[in-house]
């Protein structure tokens, strides 16, 4: 059954870097998903709960201003009564507009629909009592009756309307606080998930680096050492066993076969050279007796020729093995180049992930800006409360000046002051909620920065892996060059054996033509002896 060790070098490199890219993608996807969930929660908080709270606060302020205008109408003179009447109409239009805005939220928040129905019904009852009991009496000139209605039945409907508005505001504030707690939990979960995914990615990178080093780099270093010793003529080297079926395993097995062939070739060549040298010595010593030893010389030359032919065949086999080793080394070098290109593509992917993290950080910053904008709206509401308080103080002063006639106006001033105090308390509650929201946004910014740092670490790890692959490519290139040098040496050895075979043919021809004279035979014997010494010196370079 095929295993990971049986994969090709290219497949191993692609698998390793593919797993790294997947790990980095999972890290970025986890960070993005967590931020997306938090952003959705924040948007729902701003668009639903807090928006309803702010509208209810504005509605309460408008209702308070309308009541102030109504009470001012009761105590105002004929010259200022028309102005308060216009203010009353303007505030009523504002209230109806705010009720329309709140009605839009019933489409997306079914729980708010029932509360809105109560609020709208209470304001309708308040408006009916105001128009029929108070404003009708004012128009009829019955201010005392209007005052009794304003502090009696109308006061009851106003208190009911105010209570419903307070209840809705408190309920929406509670929902907003619950959503903020959910957002904080999302931030914590996203941080824990990001840390876990990052740890898994780091462990995966370490395992892949160890596996690639053991499966590719270590065998290549062994092959380089073997090739270097062979290049110096040391044939005593033992090629480490490797059972993998990839290019590196094939290279080591080819090196082992080449070393074995060279050992046999060197042994046979040494034996042939010794035989050749002995034969040449015999020819030189017996050149004076050439006629008597012609048969013996011919037999020796024939034997030597056969030996040289065997050595030549062995050299040819070694040359073919050397070419096979050279081809395997060049294939390994090309595979390493493919791995380098795959790494460059991985680095481009990491840069893209880093750009997405920066875009997410920009979104979180915009959420923070929106929370500041809501803070400004709250400040405006607080300012309106202060103005209402000043109006109450002025009304109290005017009531004191009027004496007995200003008692009703003093009641109105006290009511306005109470309404202003309630507005300030609601404003403080909203400011506290905004503070908690800004803390959550700050936590989101920190998580975004951690995600950006994690992606930067992933880029750094990919760069380190690229440096390791470049070193691996250099080692494979050196192994390919050593294999080429061995092939060249084998070719030169084969050419030398061709020269020996040609010389033996000349000797055999000279023996057959012994009639030309013993002097020519003696000269040929000297040449043959010199050639044998040269071959012996050449073979002495190899250590068996």
Protein backbone atom coordinates (compact mmCIF):
# COMPACT_ATOMS: atom_id res chain seq x y z
CA UNK A 1 0.00 0.00 0.00
CA UNK A 2 1.51 3.42 -0.99
CA UNK A 3 2.64 5.63 1.90
CA UNK A 4 3.83 9.22 2.23
CA UNK A 5 7.41 8.06 1.73
CA UNK A 6 6.43 6.75 -1.72
CA UNK A 7 5.25 10.16 -2.97
CA UNK A 8 7.40 12.04 -5.45
CA UNK A 9 9.54 14.92 -4.22
CA UNK A 10 7.29 17.41 -5.98
CA UNK A 11 4.18 15.86 -4.39
CA UNK A 12 5.80 16.03 -0.94
CA UNK A 13 6.70 19.70 -1.38
CA UNK A 14 3.25 20.56 -2.74
CA UNK A 15 1.60 18.63 0.12
CA UNK A 16 3.71 20.36 2.77
CA UNK A 17 3.17 23.89 1.53
CA UNK A 18 -0.46 23.17 0.70
CA UNK A 19 -1.07 22.19 4.32
CA UNK A 20 0.67 25.38 5.48
CA UNK A 21 -1.53 27.51 3.22
CA UNK A 22 -4.66 25.70 4.48
CA UNK A 23 -3.57 26.30 8.10
CA UNK A 24 -3.05 30.02 7.46
CA UNK A 25 -6.38 30.23 5.62
CA UNK A 26 -8.16 28.56 8.57
CA UNK A 27 -6.51 31.04 10.95
CA UNK A 28 -7.66 34.03 8.90
CA UNK A 29 -11.14 32.54 8.35
CA UNK A 30 -11.55 31.97 12.09
CA UNK A 31 -10.52 35.57 12.85
CA UNK A 32 -12.79 36.96 10.13
CA UNK A 33 -15.79 34.87 11.25
CA UNK A 34 -15.40 36.02 14.86
CA UNK A 35 -15.15 39.66 13.86
CA UNK A 36 -18.11 39.29 11.50
CA UNK A 37 -20.28 37.89 14.30
CA UNK A 38 -19.20 40.69 16.62
CA UNK A 39 -19.84 43.31 13.95
CA UNK A 40 -23.35 41.90 13.36
CA UNK A 41 -24.07 42.02 17.10
CA UNK A 42 -22.80 45.62 17.33
CA UNK A 43 -24.85 46.68 14.31
CA UNK A 44 -27.98 45.11 15.79
CA UNK A 45 -27.24 46.87 19.07
CA UNK A 46 -26.88 50.26 17.36
CA UNK A 47 -29.66 49.84 14.78
CA UNK A 48 -32.34 48.34 17.07
CA UNK A 49 -31.98 48.57 20.85
CA UNK A 50 -30.05 51.84 21.25
CA UNK A 51 -31.93 53.47 18.38
CA UNK A 52 -35.23 52.70 20.13
CA UNK A 53 -33.84 53.99 23.45
CA UNK A 54 -32.74 57.26 21.84
CA UNK A 55 -36.08 57.71 20.09
CA UNK A 56 -37.92 57.07 23.38
CA UNK A 57 -35.70 59.65 25.12
CA UNK A 58 -36.44 62.17 22.38
CA UNK A 59 -40.14 61.34 22.70
CA UNK A 60 -40.04 61.91 26.46
CA UNK A 61 -38.30 65.22 25.93
CA UNK A 62 -40.87 66.28 23.34
CA UNK A 63 -43.75 65.23 25.63
CA UNK A 64 -42.22 67.19 28.50
CA UNK A 65 -41.78 70.25 26.30
CA UNK A 66 -45.37 69.92 25.08
CA UNK A 67 -46.63 69.75 28.67
CA UNK A 68 -44.52 72.78 29.58
CA UNK A 69 -45.99 74.65 26.62
CA UNK A 70 -49.52 73.55 27.65
CA UNK A 71 -49.03 74.66 31.25
CA UNK A 72 -47.45 77.90 30.05
CA UNK A 73 -50.56 78.50 27.97
CA UNK A 74 -52.68 78.27 31.11
CA UNK A 75 -50.75 80.98 32.96
CA UNK A 76 -49.67 83.15 29.99
CA UNK A 77 -51.20 86.46 29.20
CA UNK A 78 -53.09 87.22 26.03
CA UNK A 79 -49.94 88.60 24.35
CA UNK A 80 -47.80 85.48 24.91
CA UNK A 81 -50.52 82.84 24.74
CA UNK A 82 -50.39 82.63 20.93
CA UNK A 83 -46.64 81.93 21.02
CA UNK A 84 -47.08 79.09 23.49
CA UNK A 85 -49.89 77.74 21.32
CA UNK A 86 -47.58 77.58 18.29
CA UNK A 87 -44.93 75.88 20.42
CA UNK A 88 -47.56 73.37 21.56
CA UNK A 89 -48.46 72.57 17.95
CA UNK A 90 -44.79 72.21 16.98
CA UNK A 91 -44.08 69.82 19.84
CA UNK A 92 -47.18 67.79 18.96
CA UNK A 93 -45.92 67.44 15.37
CA UNK A 94 -42.52 66.36 16.70
CA UNK A 95 -44.15 63.72 18.91
CA UNK A 96 -46.16 62.33 16.00
CA UNK A 97 -42.99 62.17 13.89
CA UNK A 98 -41.12 60.30 16.63
CA UNK A 99 -44.04 57.88 17.00
CA UNK A 100 -43.82 57.27 13.26
CA UNK A 101 -40.09 56.55 13.57
CA UNK A 102 -40.75 54.12 16.42
CA UNK A 103 -43.46 52.41 14.36
CA UNK A 104 -40.80 51.47 11.79
CA UNK A 105 -39.00 49.34 14.40
CA UNK A 106 -42.07 47.12 14.83
CA UNK A 107 -41.33 45.58 11.41
CA UNK A 108 -38.00 44.11 12.60
CA UNK A 109 -38.64 43.73 16.36
CA UNK A 110 -41.84 41.80 17.07
CA UNK A 111 -41.33 42.14 20.83
CA UNK A 112 -41.39 45.94 20.53
CA UNK A 113 -44.69 45.94 18.60
CA UNK A 114 -46.82 45.37 21.72
CA UNK A 115 -44.92 48.05 23.67
CA UNK A 116 -45.37 50.49 20.81
CA UNK A 117 -49.11 49.82 20.72
CA UNK A 118 -49.35 50.64 24.45
CA UNK A 119 -47.29 53.82 23.96
CA UNK A 120 -49.29 55.03 20.96
CA UNK A 121 -52.58 54.28 22.75
CA UNK A 122 -51.48 56.16 25.87
CA UNK A 123 -50.50 59.22 23.84
CA UNK A 124 -53.81 59.07 21.99
CA UNK A 125 -55.66 59.10 25.32
CA UNK A 126 -53.45 61.93 26.56
CA UNK A 127 -54.14 63.97 23.42
CA UNK A 128 -57.88 63.39 23.68
CA UNK A 129 -58.02 64.60 27.31
CA UNK A 130 -55.75 67.55 26.50
CA UNK A 131 -57.88 68.71 23.59
CA UNK A 132 -61.30 68.12 25.16
CA UNK A 133 -60.69 69.15 28.78
CA UNK A 134 -57.81 71.63 28.77
CA UNK A 135 -57.48 73.35 25.39
CA UNK A 136 -61.27 73.61 25.00
CA UNK A 137 -61.50 75.32 28.42
CA UNK A 138 -58.63 77.67 27.52
CA UNK A 139 -60.34 78.69 24.29
CA UNK A 140 -63.54 79.30 26.26
CA UNK A 141 -61.64 81.54 28.69
CA UNK A 142 -62.18 79.17 31.62
CA UNK A 143 -58.61 79.06 32.91
CA UNK A 144 -59.51 77.76 36.35
CA UNK A 145 -61.36 74.81 34.83
CA UNK A 146 -58.45 74.23 32.46
CA UNK A 147 -55.99 74.31 35.38
CA UNK A 148 -58.02 71.77 37.35
CA UNK A 149 -58.18 69.47 34.31
CA UNK A 150 -54.43 69.87 33.69
CA UNK A 151 -53.55 68.88 37.25
CA UNK A 152 -56.29 66.28 37.50
CA UNK A 153 -57.39 63.96 34.72
CA UNK A 154 -54.71 65.14 32.26
CA UNK A 155 -52.05 64.64 34.93
CA UNK A 156 -53.17 61.02 35.35
CA UNK A 157 -53.01 60.32 31.61
CA UNK A 158 -49.64 62.08 31.46
CA UNK A 159 -48.27 59.96 34.32
CA UNK A 160 -49.50 56.81 32.56
CA UNK A 161 -47.87 57.91 29.29
CA UNK A 162 -44.62 58.74 31.06
CA UNK A 163 -44.65 55.39 32.91
CA UNK A 164 -45.10 53.46 29.66
CA UNK A 165 -42.24 55.41 28.03
CA UNK A 166 -40.01 54.76 31.06
CA UNK A 167 -40.90 51.06 30.98
CA UNK A 168 -40.06 50.80 27.25
CA UNK A 169 -36.77 52.66 27.76
CA UNK A 170 -35.77 50.42 30.67
CA UNK A 171 -36.72 47.29 28.71
CA UNK A 172 -34.71 48.35 25.64
CA UNK A 173 -31.75 49.30 27.84
CA UNK A 174 -31.85 45.83 29.40
CA UNK A 175 -31.87 44.27 25.92
CA UNK A 176 -28.92 46.46 24.92
CA UNK A 177 -26.96 45.38 28.00
CA UNK A 178 -27.72 41.74 27.21
CA UNK A 179 -26.46 42.20 23.65
CA UNK A 180 -23.30 43.85 24.99
CA UNK A 181 -22.69 40.85 27.24
CA UNK A 182 -23.22 38.57 24.25
CA UNK A 183 -20.73 40.67 22.27
CA UNK A 184 -18.15 40.34 25.05
CA UNK A 185 -18.66 36.56 25.03
CA UNK A 186 -18.18 36.55 21.25
CA UNK A 187 -14.90 38.45 21.67
CA UNK A 188 -13.64 35.96 24.26
CA UNK A 189 -14.66 32.96 22.14
CA UNK A 190 -13.04 34.46 19.04
CA UNK A 191 -9.80 35.05 20.95
CA UNK A 192 -9.73 31.48 22.28
CA UNK A 193 -10.48 30.06 18.84
CA UNK A 194 -7.77 32.19 17.25
CA UNK A 195 -5.18 31.05 19.80
CA UNK A 196 -6.11 27.38 19.32
CA UNK A 197 -5.95 27.62 15.52
CA UNK A 198 -2.62 29.45 15.68
CA UNK A 199 -1.12 26.79 17.97
CA UNK A 200 -2.33 24.06 15.61
CA UNK A 201 -0.81 25.90 12.63
CA UNK A 202 2.55 26.28 14.41
CA UNK A 203 2.61 22.59 15.36
CA UNK A 204 1.72 21.65 11.78
CA UNK A 205 4.56 23.82 10.44
CA UNK A 206 7.06 22.18 12.82
CA UNK A 207 5.91 18.67 11.86
CA UNK A 208 6.06 19.49 8.14
CA UNK A 209 9.54 21.01 8.44
CA UNK A 210 10.80 17.91 10.31
CA UNK A 211 9.15 15.57 7.79
CA UNK A 212 10.51 17.39 4.71
CA UNK A 213 14.00 17.54 6.24
CA UNK A 214 13.94 13.81 6.99
CA UNK A 215 12.36 12.79 3.66
CA UNK A 216 14.33 15.06 1.27
CA UNK A 217 17.15 17.11 2.79
CA UNK A 218 18.84 14.31 4.80
CA UNK A 219 19.00 11.79 1.89
CA UNK A 220 20.27 14.53 -0.43
CA UNK A 221 23.07 15.41 2.00
CA UNK A 222 24.00 11.73 2.13
CA UNK A 223 24.00 11.55 -1.68
CA UNK A 224 26.22 14.66 -1.85
CA UNK A 225 28.76 13.11 0.56
CA UNK A 226 28.82 9.86 -1.46
CA UNK A 227 29.25 11.72 -4.76
CA UNK A 228 32.08 13.85 -3.32
CA UNK A 229 33.99 10.75 -2.14
CA UNK A 230 33.49 9.04 -5.50
CA UNK A 231 34.79 12.16 -7.27
CA UNK A 232 38.04 11.86 -5.25
CA UNK A 233 38.40 8.19 -6.27
CA UNK A 234 37.29 6.65 -2.95
CA UNK A 235 35.17 3.64 -3.88
CA UNK A 236 35.09 2.30 -0.31
CA UNK A 237 32.06 4.49 0.45
CA UNK A 238 28.79 2.77 1.41
CA UNK A 239 25.57 4.32 0.08
CA UNK A 240 22.89 4.51 2.85
CA UNK A 241 19.85 2.33 2.21
CA UNK A 242 16.65 4.17 1.25
CA UNK A 243 13.37 2.38 0.57
CA UNK A 244 11.34 5.40 -0.64
CA UNK A 245 10.08 5.48 -4.23
CA UNK A 246 10.56 9.19 -4.87
CA UNK A 247 13.34 10.82 -6.90
CA UNK A 248 15.65 11.03 -3.88
CA UNK A 249 15.32 7.29 -3.19
CA UNK A 250 15.91 6.55 -6.87
CA UNK A 251 19.01 8.76 -6.79
CA UNK A 252 20.47 6.90 -3.79
CA UNK A 253 19.75 3.50 -5.32
CA UNK A 254 21.32 4.60 -8.61
CA UNK A 255 24.39 5.82 -6.70
CA UNK A 256 24.63 2.47 -4.93
CA UNK A 257 24.47 0.59 -8.24
CA UNK A 258 27.06 2.91 -9.75
CA UNK A 259 29.47 2.41 -6.82
CA UNK A 260 29.11 -1.36 -7.08
CA UNK A 261 29.71 -1.25 -10.84
CA UNK A 262 32.75 0.98 -10.40
CA UNK A 263 34.19 -1.35 -7.79
CA UNK A 264 33.88 -4.27 -10.19
CA UNK A 265 35.24 -2.17 -13.03
CA UNK A 266 38.23 -1.02 -10.99
CA UNK A 267 39.00 -4.57 -9.84
CA UNK A 268 38.78 -5.94 -13.37
CA UNK A 269 40.80 -3.03 -14.76
CA UNK A 270 43.53 -3.54 -12.15
CA UNK A 271 43.66 -7.23 -12.98
CA UNK A 272 43.78 -6.46 -16.69
CA UNK A 273 46.53 -3.88 -16.24
CA UNK A 274 48.58 -6.38 -14.21
CA UNK A 275 48.10 -8.98 -16.92
CA UNK A 276 48.96 -6.43 -19.60
CA UNK A 277 52.11 -5.32 -17.78
CA UNK A 278 53.25 -8.91 -17.26
CA UNK A 279 52.65 -9.73 -20.89
CA UNK A 280 54.61 -6.69 -22.02
CA UNK A 281 57.53 -7.64 -19.77
CA UNK A 282 57.58 -11.12 -21.16
CA UNK A 283 57.51 -9.74 -24.71
CA UNK A 284 60.44 -7.44 -23.93
CA UNK A 285 62.56 -10.21 -22.36
CA UNK A 286 61.88 -12.62 -25.16
CA UNK A 287 62.08 -10.28 -28.14
CA UNK A 288 65.45 -11.84 -29.10
CA UNK A 289 63.78 -15.21 -29.21
CA UNK A 290 60.66 -13.94 -31.09
CA UNK A 291 60.65 -16.81 -33.50
CA UNK A 292 60.64 -19.39 -30.73
CA UNK A 293 57.99 -17.62 -28.66
CA UNK A 294 55.64 -16.41 -31.40
CA UNK A 295 52.93 -18.91 -30.47
CA UNK A 296 53.21 -18.08 -26.76
CA UNK A 297 53.11 -14.32 -27.45
CA UNK A 298 50.06 -14.66 -29.70
CA UNK A 299 48.22 -16.62 -27.00
CA UNK A 300 49.09 -14.03 -24.35
CA UNK A 301 47.98 -11.17 -26.61
CA UNK A 302 44.68 -12.92 -27.38
CA UNK A 303 44.01 -13.42 -23.68
CA UNK A 304 44.85 -9.80 -22.95
CA UNK A 305 42.57 -8.62 -25.77
CA UNK A 306 39.68 -10.63 -24.33
CA UNK A 307 40.33 -9.16 -20.87
CA UNK A 308 40.43 -5.62 -22.28
CA UNK A 309 37.15 -6.25 -24.10
CA UNK A 310 35.54 -7.37 -20.83
CA UNK A 311 36.89 -4.28 -19.08
CA UNK A 312 35.54 -2.15 -21.93
CA UNK A 313 32.06 -3.66 -21.52
CA UNK A 314 32.22 -3.01 -17.78
CA UNK A 315 33.24 0.62 -18.45
CA UNK A 316 30.32 0.99 -20.86
CA UNK A 317 27.91 -0.27 -18.17
CA UNK A 318 29.38 2.15 -15.62
CA UNK A 319 28.98 5.04 -18.09
CA UNK A 320 25.29 4.20 -18.56
CA UNK A 321 24.81 4.08 -14.77
CA UNK A 322 26.51 7.49 -14.47
CA UNK A 323 24.13 9.00 -17.05
CA UNK A 324 21.15 7.55 -15.15
CA UNK A 325 22.41 9.14 -11.92
CA UNK A 326 22.92 12.48 -13.70
CA UNK A 327 19.35 12.40 -15.10
CA UNK A 328 17.90 11.60 -11.66
CA UNK A 329 19.85 14.47 -10.06
CA UNK A 330 18.68 16.96 -12.70
CA UNK A 331 15.06 15.80 -12.21
CA UNK A 332 15.43 16.39 -8.45
CA UNK A 333 16.77 19.91 -9.13
CA UNK A 334 13.76 20.69 -11.34
CA UNK A 335 11.41 19.41 -8.63
CA UNK A 336 13.07 21.72 -6.09
CA UNK A 337 12.51 24.65 -8.47
CA UNK A 338 8.79 23.73 -8.62
CA UNK A 339 8.73 23.77 -4.82
CA UNK A 340 10.25 27.26 -4.78
CA UNK A 341 7.55 28.54 -7.15
CA UNK A 342 4.84 26.97 -4.97
CA UNK A 343 6.34 28.78 -1.96
CA UNK A 344 6.22 32.14 -3.76
CA UNK A 345 2.52 31.58 -4.50
CA UNK A 346 1.96 30.81 -0.79
CA UNK A 347 3.66 34.08 0.20
CA UNK A 348 1.37 36.02 -2.19
CA UNK A 349 -1.65 34.35 -0.54
CA UNK A 350 -0.41 35.42 2.92
CA UNK A 351 -0.08 39.03 1.72
CA UNK A 352 -3.72 38.91 0.51
CA UNK A 353 -4.84 37.60 3.94
CA UNK A 354 -2.95 40.46 5.63
CA UNK A 355 -4.79 43.05 3.45
CA UNK A 356 -8.17 41.53 4.48
CA UNK A 357 -7.23 41.80 8.16
CA UNK A 358 -6.47 45.51 7.67
CA UNK A 359 -9.92 45.99 6.04
CA UNK A 360 -11.58 44.33 9.07
CA UNK A 361 -9.67 46.69 11.39
CA UNK A 362 -11.05 49.67 9.42
CA UNK A 363 -14.62 48.38 9.94
CA UNK A 364 -14.11 48.15 13.72
CA UNK A 365 -12.77 51.73 13.79
CA UNK A 366 -15.91 52.94 11.97
CA UNK A 367 -18.04 51.22 14.64
CA UNK A 368 -16.10 53.17 17.28
CA UNK A 369 -16.81 56.43 15.43
CA UNK A 370 -20.56 55.66 15.44
CA UNK A 371 -20.51 55.15 19.21
CA UNK A 372 -18.90 58.60 19.59
CA UNK A 373 -21.66 60.07 17.39
CA UNK A 374 -24.30 58.58 19.71
CA UNK A 375 -22.43 60.15 22.63
CA UNK A 376 -22.84 63.57 20.97
CA UNK A 377 -26.61 62.96 20.63
CA UNK A 378 -26.75 62.12 24.35
CA UNK A 379 -24.93 65.36 25.14
CA UNK A 380 -27.59 67.23 23.14
CA UNK A 381 -30.36 65.57 25.17
CA UNK A 382 -28.54 66.56 28.38
CA UNK A 383 -28.35 70.17 27.13
CA UNK A 384 -32.13 70.17 26.53
CA UNK A 385 -32.64 68.92 30.09
CA UNK A 386 -30.53 71.79 31.44
CA UNK A 387 -32.56 74.30 29.40
CA UNK A 388 -35.80 72.82 30.80
CA UNK A 389 -34.38 73.20 34.31
CA UNK A 390 -33.54 76.87 33.65
CA UNK A 391 -37.07 77.35 32.34
CA UNK A 392 -38.44 75.86 35.58
CA UNK A 393 -36.28 78.19 37.67
CA UNK A 394 -37.48 81.24 35.69
CA UNK A 395 -41.06 80.06 36.05
CA UNK A 396 -40.63 79.72 39.82
CA UNK A 397 -39.24 83.26 40.00
CA UNK A 398 -42.20 84.61 38.02
CA UNK A 399 -44.62 82.66 40.27
CA UNK A 400 -43.03 84.16 43.38
CA UNK A 401 -43.44 87.65 41.93
CA UNK A 402 -47.11 87.01 41.16
CA UNK A 403 -47.93 85.97 44.73
CA UNK A 404 -51.28 84.24 45.16
CA UNK A 405 -52.00 84.52 41.44
CA UNK A 406 -48.77 82.62 40.64
CA UNK A 407 -49.43 79.51 42.71
CA UNK A 408 -50.67 77.57 39.67
CA UNK A 409 -47.66 78.72 37.74
CA UNK A 410 -45.41 77.52 40.61
CA UNK A 411 -46.94 74.04 40.31
CA UNK A 412 -46.12 74.08 36.61
CA UNK A 413 -42.54 75.19 37.32
CA UNK A 414 -42.05 72.38 39.84
CA UNK A 415 -43.40 69.86 37.30
CA UNK A 416 -41.01 71.12 34.61
CA UNK A 417 -38.09 70.90 37.02
CA UNK A 418 -39.02 67.29 37.84
CA UNK A 419 -39.17 66.45 34.14
CA UNK A 420 -35.72 68.01 33.57
CA UNK A 421 -34.25 65.95 36.42
CA UNK A 422 -35.68 62.74 34.90
CA UNK A 423 -34.15 63.64 31.53
CA UNK A 424 -30.72 64.09 33.14
CA UNK A 425 -30.96 60.68 34.83
CA UNK A 426 -31.87 58.98 31.54
CA UNK A 427 -28.95 60.74 29.85
CA UNK A 428 -26.53 59.41 32.49
CA UNK A 429 -27.82 55.87 31.93
CA UNK A 430 -27.24 56.17 28.18
CA UNK A 431 -23.72 57.50 28.78
CA UNK A 432 -22.92 54.47 30.97
CA UNK A 433 -24.16 52.12 28.24
CA UNK A 434 -22.12 53.97 25.63
CA UNK A 435 -19.05 53.56 27.86
CA UNK A 436 -19.57 49.79 27.93
CA UNK A 437 -20.06 49.75 24.14
CA UNK A 438 -16.82 51.65 23.61
CA UNK A 439 -15.00 49.11 25.82
CA UNK A 440 -16.38 46.29 23.65
CA UNK A 441 -15.26 48.11 20.51
CA UNK A 442 -11.81 48.56 22.11
CA UNK A 443 -11.67 44.80 22.79
CA UNK A 444 -12.59 44.16 19.15
CA UNK A 445 -9.74 46.44 18.06
CA UNK A 446 -7.32 44.44 20.25
CA UNK A 447 -8.55 41.14 18.75
CA UNK A 448 -8.11 42.61 15.26
CA UNK A 449 -4.55 43.65 16.10
CA UNK A 450 -3.82 40.15 17.44
CA UNK A 451 -5.16 38.66 14.19
CA UNK A 452 -2.92 41.02 12.19
CA UNK A 453 0.10 39.98 14.29
CA UNK A 454 -0.77 36.30 13.77
CA UNK A 455 -0.93 36.81 10.00
CA UNK A 456 2.45 38.63 10.17
CA UNK A 457 3.86 35.61 12.04
CA UNK A 458 2.45 33.36 9.30
CA UNK A 459 4.22 35.50 6.66
CA UNK A 460 7.47 35.23 8.65
CA UNK A 461 7.11 31.42 8.96
CA UNK A 462 6.44 31.12 5.23
CA UNK A 463 9.56 33.23 4.54
CA UNK A 464 11.66 30.95 6.77
CA UNK A 465 10.28 27.91 4.96
CA UNK A 466 11.24 29.61 1.68
CA UNK A 467 14.82 30.01 2.88
CA UNK A 468 14.92 26.31 3.80
CA UNK A 469 13.61 25.37 0.34
CA UNK A 470 16.23 27.60 -1.31
CA UNK A 471 18.95 25.83 0.68
CA UNK A 472 17.43 22.49 -0.36
CA UNK A 473 17.48 23.59 -4.01
CA UNK A 474 21.17 24.53 -3.72
CA UNK A 475 21.99 21.09 -2.24
CA UNK A 476 20.12 19.33 -5.04
CA UNK A 477 21.94 21.47 -7.63
CA UNK A 478 25.29 20.52 -6.11
CA UNK A 479 24.28 16.83 -6.20
CA UNK A 480 23.32 17.19 -9.86
CA UNK A 481 26.69 18.81 -10.66
CA UNK A 482 28.56 16.02 -8.84
CA UNK A 483 26.57 13.40 -10.79
CA UNK A 484 27.47 15.16 -14.05
CA UNK A 485 31.15 15.13 -13.05
CA UNK A 486 30.94 11.40 -12.34
CA UNK A 487 29.34 10.81 -15.74
CA UNK A 488 32.16 12.78 -17.41
CA UNK A 489 34.76 10.71 -15.52
CA UNK A 490 33.04 7.51 -16.63
CA UNK A 491 33.08 8.69 -20.24
CA UNK A 492 36.78 9.47 -19.98
CA UNK A 493 37.43 6.01 -18.49
CA UNK A 494 35.51 4.43 -21.38
CA UNK A 495 37.58 6.42 -23.86
CA UNK A 496 40.76 5.18 -22.13
CA UNK A 497 39.57 1.59 -22.41
CA UNK A 498 38.87 2.14 -26.11
CA UNK A 499 42.48 3.26 -26.48
CA UNK A 500 43.67 0.13 -24.62
CA UNK A 501 41.56 -2.08 -26.88
CA UNK A 502 42.98 -0.35 -29.94
CA UNK A 503 46.51 -0.87 -28.62
CA UNK A 504 45.81 -4.55 -28.02
CA UNK A 505 44.58 -4.88 -31.57
CA UNK A 506 47.81 -3.31 -32.77
CA UNK A 507 49.79 -5.76 -30.64
CA UNK A 508 47.82 -8.68 -31.99
CA UNK A 509 48.43 -7.46 -35.53
CA UNK A 510 52.11 -7.07 -34.75
CA UNK A 511 52.26 -10.62 -33.40
CA UNK A 512 50.57 -11.91 -36.54
CA UNK A 513 53.11 -10.02 -38.61
CA UNK A 514 56.11 -11.22 -36.60
CA UNK A 515 57.98 -11.64 -39.85
CA UNK A 516 58.64 -7.86 -39.89
CA UNK A 517 61.31 -8.42 -37.35
CA UNK A 518 61.94 -8.74 -33.65
CA UNK A 519 63.03 -5.08 -33.46
CA UNK A 520 59.54 -3.91 -34.33
CA UNK A 521 58.09 -6.42 -31.83
CA UNK A 522 60.49 -5.15 -29.12
CA UNK A 523 59.44 -1.53 -29.78
CA UNK A 524 55.80 -2.49 -29.59
CA UNK A 525 56.48 -4.35 -26.35
CA UNK A 526 58.10 -1.26 -24.83
CA UNK A 527 55.10 0.85 -25.84
CA UNK A 528 52.75 -1.71 -24.36
CA UNK A 529 54.74 -1.80 -21.12
CA UNK A 530 54.62 2.02 -20.85
CA UNK A 531 50.87 1.99 -21.46
CA UNK A 532 50.45 -0.63 -18.72
CA UNK A 533 52.37 1.54 -16.26
CA UNK A 534 50.21 4.53 -17.18
CA UNK A 535 47.03 2.52 -16.60
CA UNK A 536 48.38 1.29 -13.27
CA UNK A 537 49.02 4.88 -12.18
CA UNK A 538 45.50 5.77 -13.25
CA UNK A 539 43.96 2.86 -11.33
CA UNK A 540 46.02 3.71 -8.23
CA UNK A 541 43.79 6.79 -7.85
CA UNK A 542 40.85 4.56 -6.95
CA UNK A 543 40.64 3.15 -3.41
CA UNK A 544 38.87 -0.20 -3.28
